Amino acid sequence: MYRTECIDGIYIMNPGAIDSPRGKNKPSYGVLTIDGSGKLTMNIVALK
């Protein structure tokens, strides 16, 4: 199960698995980006 969230300023990301996904989930990976001002963006990319 893919997941991204922020709880009380703590960022949590579970991007799944690119090699051996569980259940019926598609293979996936996470991308964490921090821009020049320190803004954090989390994205999960599911492969086809």
PDB file of N, CA and C in Angstrom:
ATOM      1  N   MET A   1       0.838  -1.175   0.000  1.00  0.00           N
ATOM      2  CA  MET A   1       0.000   0.000   0.000  1.00  0.00           C
ATOM      3  C   MET A   1       0.880   1.233   0.000  1.00  0.00           C
ATOM      4  N   TYR A   2       0.745   2.052  -1.018  1.00  0.00           N
ATOM      5  CA  TYR A   2       1.538   3.273  -1.111  1.00  0.00           C
ATOM      6  C   TYR A   2       0.996   4.280  -0.101  1.00  0.00           C
ATOM      7  N   ARG A   3       1.902   5.111   0.410  1.00  0.00           N
ATOM      8  CA  ARG A   3       1.439   6.090   1.388  1.00  0.00           C
ATOM      9  C   ARG A   3       2.418   7.241   1.500  1.00  0.00           C
ATOM     10  N   THR A   4       1.889   8.459   1.518  1.00  0.00           N
ATOM     11  CA  THR A   4       2.668   9.649   1.856  1.00  0.00           C
ATOM     12  C   THR A   4       1.802  10.511   2.752  1.00  0.00           C
ATOM     13  N   GLU A   5       2.375  10.988   3.837  1.00  0.00           N
ATOM     14  CA  GLU A   5       1.639  11.906   4.696  1.00  0.00           C
ATOM     15  C   GLU A   5       2.598  12.637   5.623  1.00  0.00           C
ATOM     16  N   CYS A   6       2.098  13.711   6.206  1.00  0.00           N
ATOM     17  CA  CYS A   6       2.866  14.490   7.170  1.00  0.00           C
ATOM     18  C   CYS A   6       2.040  14.547   8.450  1.00  0.00           C
ATOM     19  N   ILE A   7       2.615  14.053   9.536  1.00  0.00           N
ATOM     20  CA  ILE A   7       1.941  14.048  10.830  1.00  0.00           C
ATOM     21  C   ILE A   7       2.795  14.838  11.814  1.00  0.00           C
ATOM     22  N   ASP A   8       2.248  15.935  12.302  1.00  0.00           N
ATOM     23  CA  ASP A   8       2.958  16.784  13.270  1.00  0.00           C
ATOM     24  C   ASP A   8       4.357  17.159  12.785  1.00  0.00           C
ATOM     25  N   GLY A   9       4.484  17.476  11.492  1.00  0.00           N
ATOM     26  CA  GLY A   9       5.760  17.902  10.926  1.00  0.00           C
ATOM     27  C   GLY A   9       6.715  16.769  10.584  1.00  0.00           C
ATOM     28  N   ILE A  10       6.273  15.532  10.754  1.00  0.00           N
ATOM     29  CA  ILE A  10       7.102  14.368  10.417  1.00  0.00           C
ATOM     30  C   ILE A  10       6.557  13.763   9.131  1.00  0.00           C
ATOM     31  N   TYR A  11       7.417  13.662   8.132  1.00  0.00           N
ATOM     32  CA  TYR A  11       7.005  13.141   6.834  1.00  0.00           C
ATOM     33  C   TYR A  11       7.168  11.621   6.796  1.00  0.00           C
ATOM     34  N   ILE A  12       6.123  10.953   6.322  1.00  0.00           N
ATOM     35  CA  ILE A  12       6.115   9.491   6.235  1.00  0.00           C
ATOM     36  C   ILE A  12       5.863   9.098   4.786  1.00  0.00           C
ATOM     37  N   MET A  13       6.702   8.208   4.264  1.00  0.00           N
ATOM     38  CA  MET A  13       6.533   7.757   2.888  1.00  0.00           C
ATOM     39  C   MET A  13       6.772   6.256   2.811  1.00  0.00           C
ATOM     40  N   ASN A  14       5.792   5.549   2.269  1.00  0.00           N
ATOM     41  CA  ASN A  14       5.953   4.131   1.969  1.00  0.00           C
ATOM     42  C   ASN A  14       5.689   3.989   0.471  1.00  0.00           C
ATOM     43  N   PRO A  15       6.742   3.916  -0.331  1.00  0.00           N
ATOM     44  CA  PRO A  15       6.552   3.901  -1.777  1.00  0.00           C
ATOM     45  C   PRO A  15       6.197   2.540  -2.362  1.00  0.00           C
ATOM     46  N   GLY A  16       6.021   1.527  -1.534  1.00  0.00           N
ATOM     47  CA  GLY A  16       5.754   0.196  -2.086  1.00  0.00           C
ATOM     48  C   GLY A  16       7.067  -0.461  -2.479  1.00  0.00           C
ATOM     49  N   ALA A  17       7.028  -1.281  -3.520  1.00  0.00           N
ATOM     50  CA  ALA A  17       8.228  -2.012  -3.942  1.00  0.00           C
ATOM     51  C   ALA A  17       8.312  -2.063  -5.460  1.00  0.00           C
ATOM     52  N   ILE A  18       9.489  -1.817  -5.979  1.00  0.00           N
ATOM     53  CA  ILE A  18       9.676  -1.847  -7.427  1.00  0.00           C
ATOM     54  C   ILE A  18       9.927  -3.270  -7.923  1.00  0.00           C
ATOM     55  N   ASP A  19      10.466  -4.126  -7.055  1.00  0.00           N
ATOM     56  CA  ASP A  19      10.833  -5.483  -7.468  1.00  0.00           C
ATOM     57  C   ASP A  19       9.779  -6.528  -7.128  1.00  0.00           C
ATOM     58  N   SER A  20       9.270  -6.508  -5.902  1.00  0.00           N
ATOM     59  CA  SER A  20       8.339  -7.551  -5.449  1.00  0.00           C
ATOM     60  C   SER A  20       7.144  -6.945  -4.716  1.00  0.00           C
ATOM     61  N   PRO A  21       6.238  -6.265  -5.441  1.00  0.00           N
ATOM     62  CA  PRO A  21       5.100  -5.653  -4.758  1.00  0.00           C
ATOM     63  C   PRO A  21       4.174  -6.710  -4.156  1.00  0.00           C
ATOM     64  N   ARG A  22       3.551  -6.362  -3.047  1.00  0.00           N
ATOM     65  CA  ARG A  22       2.643  -7.292  -2.368  1.00  0.00           C
ATOM     66  C   ARG A  22       1.235  -7.188  -2.938  1.00  0.00           C
ATOM     67  N   GLY A  23       0.512  -8.266  -2.849  1.00  0.00           N
ATOM     68  CA  GLY A  23      -0.887  -8.268  -3.272  1.00  0.00           C
ATOM     69  C   GLY A  23      -1.027  -7.906  -4.742  1.00  0.00           C
ATOM     70  N   LYS A  24      -2.005  -7.077  -5.031  1.00  0.00           N
ATOM     71  CA  LYS A  24      -2.279  -6.678  -6.410  1.00  0.00           C
ATOM     72  C   LYS A  24      -1.705  -5.302  -6.738  1.00  0.00           C
ATOM     73  N   ASN A  25      -0.823  -4.780  -5.876  1.00  0.00           N
ATOM     74  CA  ASN A  25      -0.208  -3.483  -6.140  1.00  0.00           C
ATOM     75  C   ASN A  25       0.732  -3.565  -7.329  1.00  0.00           C
ATOM     76  N   LYS A  26       0.800  -2.477  -8.082  1.00  0.00           N
ATOM     77  CA  LYS A  26       1.751  -2.381  -9.187  1.00  0.00           C
ATOM     78  C   LYS A  26       3.130  -2.063  -8.617  1.00  0.00           C
ATOM     79  N   PRO A  27       4.193  -2.408  -9.321  1.00  0.00           N
ATOM     80  CA  PRO A  27       5.525  -1.990  -8.893  1.00  0.00           C
ATOM     81  C   PRO A  27       5.566  -0.463  -8.799  1.00  0.00           C
ATOM     82  N   SER A  28       6.241   0.051  -7.784  1.00  0.00           N
ATOM     83  CA  SER A  28       6.270   1.503  -7.584  1.00  0.00           C
ATOM     84  C   SER A  28       7.545   1.923  -6.876  1.00  0.00           C
ATOM     85  N   TYR A  29       7.819   3.238  -6.951  1.00  0.00           N
ATOM     86  CA  TYR A  29       8.959   3.817  -6.240  1.00  0.00           C
ATOM     87  C   TYR A  29       8.597   5.230  -5.807  1.00  0.00           C
ATOM     88  N   GLY A  30       9.348   5.762  -4.874  1.00  0.00           N
ATOM     89  CA  GLY A  30       9.083   7.101  -4.358  1.00  0.00           C
ATOM     90  C   GLY A  30      10.131   8.098  -4.797  1.00  0.00           C
ATOM     91  N   VAL A  31       9.691   9.348  -4.959  1.00  0.00           N
ATOM     92  CA  VAL A  31      10.591  10.450  -5.292  1.00  0.00           C
ATOM     93  C   VAL A  31      10.389  11.546  -4.252  1.00  0.00           C
ATOM     94  N   LEU A  32      11.459  11.910  -3.581  1.00  0.00           N
ATOM     95  CA  LEU A  32      11.446  12.964  -2.574  1.00  0.00           C
ATOM     96  C   LEU A  32      12.240  14.134  -3.129  1.00  0.00           C
ATOM     97  N   THR A  33      11.602  15.309  -3.200  1.00  0.00           N
ATOM     98  CA  THR A  33      12.254  16.490  -3.747  1.00  0.00           C
ATOM     99  C   THR A  33      12.247  17.605  -2.711  1.00  0.00           C
ATOM    100  N   ILE A  34      13.391  18.243  -2.514  1.00  0.00           N
ATOM    101  CA  ILE A  34      13.486  19.409  -1.639  1.00  0.00           C
ATOM    102  C   ILE A  34      14.009  20.554  -2.492  1.00  0.00           C
ATOM    103  N   ASP A  35      13.194  21.622  -2.631  1.00  0.00           N
ATOM    104  CA  ASP A  35      13.609  22.739  -3.483  1.00  0.00           C
ATOM    105  C   ASP A  35      14.541  23.684  -2.722  1.00  0.00           C
ATOM    106  N   GLY A  36      14.985  24.716  -3.380  1.00  0.00           N
ATOM    107  CA  GLY A  36      15.950  25.653  -2.812  1.00  0.00           C
ATOM    108  C   GLY A  36      15.473  26.358  -1.551  1.00  0.00           C
ATOM    109  N   SER A  37      14.149  26.489  -1.397  1.00  0.00           N
ATOM    110  CA  SER A  37      13.611  27.155  -0.204  1.00  0.00           C
ATOM    111  C   SER A  37      13.340  26.167   0.934  1.00  0.00           C
ATOM    112  N   GLY A  38      13.603  24.863   0.699  1.00  0.00           N
ATOM    113  CA  GLY A  38      13.396  23.853   1.721  1.00  0.00           C
ATOM    114  C   GLY A  38      12.037  23.175   1.668  1.00  0.00           C
ATOM    115  N   LYS A  39      11.214  23.512   0.662  1.00  0.00           N
ATOM    116  CA  LYS A  39       9.900  22.877   0.523  1.00  0.00           C
ATOM    117  C   LYS A  39      10.085  21.429   0.081  1.00  0.00           C
ATOM    118  N   LEU A  40       9.427  20.523   0.786  1.00  0.00           N
ATOM    119  CA  LEU A  40       9.539  19.097   0.507  1.00  0.00           C
ATOM    120  C   LEU A  40       8.300  18.609  -0.243  1.00  0.00           C
ATOM    121  N   THR A  41       8.526  17.830  -1.298  1.00  0.00           N
ATOM    122  CA  THR A  41       7.445  17.241  -2.072  1.00  0.00           C
ATOM    123  C   THR A  41       7.701  15.745  -2.183  1.00  0.00           C
ATOM    124  N   MET A  42       6.656  14.947  -1.910  1.00  0.00           N
ATOM    125  CA  MET A  42       6.759  13.496  -1.998  1.00  0.00           C
ATOM    126  C   MET A  42       5.814  12.999  -3.095  1.00  0.00           C
ATOM    127  N   ASN A  43       6.316  12.149  -3.961  1.00  0.00           N
ATOM    128  CA  ASN A  43       5.505  11.563  -5.011  1.00  0.00           C
ATOM    129  C   ASN A  43       5.779  10.069  -5.107  1.00  0.00           C
ATOM    130  N   ILE A  44       4.731   9.318  -5.397  1.00  0.00           N
ATOM    131  CA  ILE A  44       4.875   7.888  -5.621  1.00  0.00           C
ATOM    132  C   ILE A  44       4.555   7.618  -7.081  1.00  0.00           C
ATOM    133  N   VAL A  45       5.435   6.899  -7.750  1.00  0.00           N
ATOM    134  CA  VAL A  45       5.276   6.596  -9.170  1.00  0.00           C
ATOM    135  C   VAL A  45       5.014   5.100  -9.309  1.00  0.00           C
ATOM    136  N   ALA A  46       3.831   4.762  -9.844  1.00  0.00           N
ATOM    137  CA  ALA A  46       3.477   3.361 -10.095  1.00  0.00           C
ATOM    138  C   ALA A  46       3.834   3.027 -11.536  1.00  0.00           C
ATOM    139  N   LEU A  47       4.527   1.920 -11.730  1.00  0.00           N
ATOM    140  CA  LEU A  47       4.909   1.494 -13.078  1.00  0.00           C
ATOM    141  C   LEU A  47       3.749   0.756 -13.733  1.00  0.00           C
ATOM    142  N   LYS A  48       3.709   0.786 -15.037  1.00  0.00           N
ATOM    143  CA  LYS A  48       2.619   0.134 -15.767  1.00  0.00           C
ATOM    144  C   LYS A  48       2.882  -1.324 -15.974  1.00  0.00           C
TER     145      LYS A  48
END
